[in-house]
């Protein structure tokens, strides 16, 4: 009985951790992507209709911005393969 309870709690913890990580990552990437698109398009994009229909595209822009920034930092610091 104790093993079942222990494994159930572990499964619940992993599920909550995954949901929390995905939610935080999505919100951070979305707002960063929104800012990058607004600055890059001089305020034209993303429009309200675009944001409502393709929210994940804006998040991808934020994710790529983070990855690109990390790549630049690695290159400047001389990190090699």
N, C-alpha and C. Protein backbone atom coordinates (compact mmCIF):
# COMPACT_ATOMS: atom_id res chain seq x y z
N UNK A 1 0.83 -1.19 0.00
CA UNK A 1 0.00 0.00 0.00
C UNK A 1 0.87 1.26 0.00
N UNK A 2 1.96 1.21 0.75
CA UNK A 2 2.84 2.36 0.83
C UNK A 2 3.52 2.63 -0.51
N UNK A 3 3.85 1.57 -1.23
CA UNK A 3 4.48 1.73 -2.54
C UNK A 3 3.54 2.38 -3.54
N UNK A 4 2.28 2.01 -3.50
CA UNK A 4 1.28 2.61 -4.39
C UNK A 4 1.12 4.09 -4.08
N UNK A 5 1.03 4.42 -2.80
CA UNK A 5 0.89 5.82 -2.39
C UNK A 5 2.12 6.62 -2.78
N UNK A 6 3.30 6.06 -2.59
CA UNK A 6 4.55 6.73 -2.92
C UNK A 6 4.66 6.98 -4.43
N UNK A 7 4.33 5.98 -5.23
CA UNK A 7 4.41 6.16 -6.67
C UNK A 7 3.35 7.13 -7.18
N UNK A 8 2.18 7.14 -6.55
CA UNK A 8 1.13 8.09 -6.93
C UNK A 8 1.56 9.52 -6.67
N UNK A 9 2.19 9.74 -5.51
CA UNK A 9 2.67 11.08 -5.20
C UNK A 9 3.78 11.51 -6.14
N UNK A 10 4.65 10.59 -6.49
CA UNK A 10 5.74 10.91 -7.42
C UNK A 10 5.18 11.27 -8.79
N UNK A 11 4.19 10.53 -9.26
CA UNK A 11 3.56 10.82 -10.54
C UNK A 11 2.87 12.17 -10.53
N UNK A 12 2.18 12.46 -9.44
CA UNK A 12 1.50 13.76 -9.31
C UNK A 12 2.52 14.90 -9.29
N UNK A 13 3.63 14.70 -8.59
CA UNK A 13 4.67 15.73 -8.52
C UNK A 13 5.28 16.00 -9.90
N UNK A 14 5.56 14.94 -10.64
CA UNK A 14 6.14 15.10 -11.98
C UNK A 14 5.15 15.79 -12.91
N UNK A 15 3.88 15.43 -12.81
CA UNK A 15 2.86 16.06 -13.66
C UNK A 15 2.73 17.55 -13.34
N UNK A 16 2.68 17.90 -12.08
CA UNK A 16 2.58 19.31 -11.70
C UNK A 16 3.82 20.09 -12.10
N UNK A 17 4.98 19.47 -11.96
CA UNK A 17 6.22 20.14 -12.34
C UNK A 17 6.25 20.42 -13.84
N UNK A 18 5.81 19.45 -14.63
CA UNK A 18 5.78 19.62 -16.08
C UNK A 18 4.80 20.71 -16.49
N UNK A 19 3.62 20.70 -15.90
CA UNK A 19 2.61 21.72 -16.21
C UNK A 19 3.12 23.10 -15.84
N UNK A 20 3.74 23.23 -14.68
CA UNK A 20 4.26 24.52 -14.24
C UNK A 20 5.38 25.01 -15.16
N UNK A 21 6.28 24.12 -15.54
CA UNK A 21 7.37 24.51 -16.43
C UNK A 21 6.84 24.95 -17.79
N UNK A 22 5.90 24.21 -18.34
CA UNK A 22 5.36 24.58 -19.65
C UNK A 22 4.59 25.89 -19.59
N UNK A 23 3.86 26.11 -18.51
CA UNK A 23 3.11 27.36 -18.36
C UNK A 23 4.05 28.55 -18.24
N UNK A 24 5.08 28.41 -17.42
CA UNK A 24 6.04 29.51 -17.26
C UNK A 24 6.79 29.78 -18.56
N UNK A 25 7.24 28.72 -19.22
CA UNK A 25 7.97 28.89 -20.47
C UNK A 25 7.09 29.54 -21.53
N UNK A 26 5.84 29.11 -21.62
CA UNK A 26 4.92 29.67 -22.60
C UNK A 26 4.69 31.15 -22.34
N UNK A 27 4.47 31.52 -21.08
CA UNK A 27 4.19 32.93 -20.79
C UNK A 27 5.42 33.81 -21.02
N UNK A 28 6.59 33.34 -20.61
CA UNK A 28 7.82 34.13 -20.81
C UNK A 28 8.11 34.28 -22.30
N UNK A 29 8.03 33.18 -23.04
CA UNK A 29 8.31 33.23 -24.48
C UNK A 29 7.27 34.08 -25.22
N UNK A 30 6.01 34.01 -24.79
CA UNK A 30 4.97 34.79 -25.46
C UNK A 30 5.24 36.28 -25.31
N UNK A 31 5.48 36.73 -24.08
CA UNK A 31 5.67 38.17 -23.87
C UNK A 31 6.97 38.67 -24.49
N UNK A 32 8.00 37.86 -24.48
CA UNK A 32 9.24 38.25 -25.15
C UNK A 32 9.03 38.31 -26.67
N UNK A 33 8.36 37.30 -27.21
CA UNK A 33 8.07 37.30 -28.65
C UNK A 33 7.19 38.47 -29.06
N UNK A 34 6.22 38.80 -28.22
CA UNK A 34 5.35 39.94 -28.50
C UNK A 34 6.17 41.22 -28.58
N UNK A 35 7.08 41.41 -27.63
CA UNK A 35 7.93 42.61 -27.62
C UNK A 35 8.85 42.64 -28.83
N UNK A 36 9.45 41.50 -29.18
CA UNK A 36 10.36 41.45 -30.33
C UNK A 36 9.61 41.76 -31.62
N UNK A 37 8.41 41.20 -31.77
CA UNK A 37 7.64 41.48 -32.98
C UNK A 37 7.19 42.94 -33.05
N UNK A 38 6.80 43.51 -31.93
CA UNK A 38 6.39 44.92 -31.92
C UNK A 38 7.56 45.83 -32.29
N UNK A 39 8.74 45.55 -31.73
CA UNK A 39 9.91 46.37 -32.01
C UNK A 39 10.37 46.16 -33.45
N UNK A 40 10.42 44.90 -33.88
CA UNK A 40 10.90 44.58 -35.22
C UNK A 40 10.01 45.07 -36.34
N UNK A 41 8.72 45.21 -36.06
CA UNK A 41 7.80 45.65 -37.11
C UNK A 41 7.33 47.09 -36.89
N UNK A 42 7.99 47.79 -35.97
CA UNK A 42 7.64 49.18 -35.65
C UNK A 42 6.19 49.33 -35.23
N UNK A 43 5.69 48.35 -34.45
CA UNK A 43 4.35 48.44 -33.88
C UNK A 43 3.23 47.88 -34.72
N UNK A 44 3.52 47.40 -35.92
CA UNK A 44 2.45 46.89 -36.78
C UNK A 44 2.00 45.49 -36.42
N UNK A 45 2.96 44.64 -36.04
CA UNK A 45 2.63 43.26 -35.70
C UNK A 45 2.96 43.02 -34.24
N UNK A 46 2.40 42.13 -33.57
CA UNK A 46 1.27 41.30 -33.94
C UNK A 46 -0.05 42.02 -33.66
N UNK A 47 -0.95 41.95 -34.60
CA UNK A 47 -2.26 42.57 -34.42
C UNK A 47 -3.10 41.71 -33.48
N UNK A 48 -4.20 42.26 -33.01
CA UNK A 48 -5.06 41.55 -32.06
C UNK A 48 -5.59 40.25 -32.66
N UNK A 49 -6.01 40.29 -33.91
CA UNK A 49 -6.54 39.08 -34.56
C UNK A 49 -5.46 38.02 -34.72
N UNK A 50 -4.24 38.44 -35.04
CA UNK A 50 -3.13 37.50 -35.21
C UNK A 50 -2.79 36.84 -33.89
N UNK A 51 -2.76 37.62 -32.82
CA UNK A 51 -2.38 37.09 -31.51
C UNK A 51 -3.39 36.06 -31.04
N UNK A 52 -4.67 36.32 -31.27
CA UNK A 52 -5.69 35.39 -30.81
C UNK A 52 -5.66 34.09 -31.59
N UNK A 53 -5.35 34.14 -32.87
CA UNK A 53 -5.39 32.92 -33.68
C UNK A 53 -4.07 32.16 -33.68
N UNK A 54 -2.95 32.85 -33.50
CA UNK A 54 -1.64 32.20 -33.61
C UNK A 54 -0.73 32.57 -32.45
N UNK A 55 -1.22 32.35 -31.27
CA UNK A 55 -0.46 32.68 -30.06
C UNK A 55 0.85 31.90 -30.00
N UNK A 56 0.84 30.65 -30.45
CA UNK A 56 2.05 29.83 -30.38
C UNK A 56 3.13 30.35 -31.32
N UNK A 57 2.77 31.01 -32.41
CA UNK A 57 3.79 31.59 -33.31
C UNK A 57 4.54 32.70 -32.60
N UNK A 58 3.83 33.50 -31.83
CA UNK A 58 4.47 34.58 -31.07
C UNK A 58 5.39 33.98 -30.01
N UNK A 59 4.98 32.87 -29.41
CA UNK A 59 5.83 32.19 -28.42
C UNK A 59 7.09 31.64 -29.06
N UNK A 60 6.98 31.14 -30.28
CA UNK A 60 8.15 30.62 -30.98
C UNK A 60 9.16 31.73 -31.25
N UNK A 61 8.69 32.91 -31.59
CA UNK A 61 9.59 34.04 -31.80
C UNK A 61 10.34 34.35 -30.50
N UNK A 62 9.64 34.31 -29.38
CA UNK A 62 10.29 34.53 -28.09
C UNK A 62 11.31 33.46 -27.76
N UNK A 63 10.97 32.20 -28.04
CA UNK A 63 11.90 31.10 -27.80
C UNK A 63 13.14 31.23 -28.67
N UNK A 64 12.96 31.54 -29.94
CA UNK A 64 14.10 31.72 -30.83
C UNK A 64 14.95 32.92 -30.42
N UNK A 65 14.31 33.95 -29.87
CA UNK A 65 15.06 35.11 -29.38
C UNK A 65 15.95 34.73 -28.21
N UNK A 66 15.42 33.91 -27.31
CA UNK A 66 16.22 33.45 -26.17
C UNK A 66 17.39 32.60 -26.65
N UNK A 67 17.11 31.65 -27.55
CA UNK A 67 18.16 30.77 -28.06
C UNK A 67 19.23 31.55 -28.83
N UNK A 68 18.80 32.51 -29.63
CA UNK A 68 19.75 33.33 -30.39
C UNK A 68 20.62 34.16 -29.45
N UNK A 69 20.02 34.70 -28.39
CA UNK A 69 20.79 35.47 -27.42
C UNK A 69 21.82 34.60 -26.72
N UNK A 70 21.44 33.37 -26.37
CA UNK A 70 22.39 32.45 -25.74
C UNK A 70 23.51 32.07 -26.70
N UNK A 71 23.18 31.92 -27.97
CA UNK A 71 24.19 31.61 -28.97
C UNK A 71 25.19 32.75 -29.12
N UNK A 72 24.71 33.97 -29.13
CA UNK A 72 25.59 35.13 -29.22
C UNK A 72 26.51 35.21 -28.01
N UNK A 73 25.97 34.97 -26.84
CA UNK A 73 26.80 34.99 -25.62
C UNK A 73 27.86 33.91 -25.69
N UNK A 74 27.51 32.74 -26.17
CA UNK A 74 28.48 31.64 -26.28
C UNK A 74 29.60 31.98 -27.28
N UNK A 75 29.25 32.58 -28.40
CA UNK A 75 30.24 32.94 -29.39
C UNK A 75 31.16 34.04 -28.86
N UNK A 76 30.60 35.03 -28.22
CA UNK A 76 31.40 36.13 -27.69
C UNK A 76 32.36 35.63 -26.61
N UNK A 77 31.92 34.68 -25.82
CA UNK A 77 32.77 34.14 -24.75
C UNK A 77 33.74 33.09 -25.24
N UNK A 78 33.68 32.74 -26.52
CA UNK A 78 34.65 31.82 -27.08
C UNK A 78 34.39 30.36 -26.82
N UNK A 79 33.15 29.98 -26.61
CA UNK A 79 32.82 28.58 -26.39
C UNK A 79 32.95 27.85 -27.71
N UNK A 80 33.69 26.73 -27.69
CA UNK A 80 33.89 25.94 -28.90
C UNK A 80 33.16 24.62 -28.77
N UNK A 81 32.97 23.96 -29.89
CA UNK A 81 32.28 22.66 -29.90
C UNK A 81 33.03 21.62 -29.20
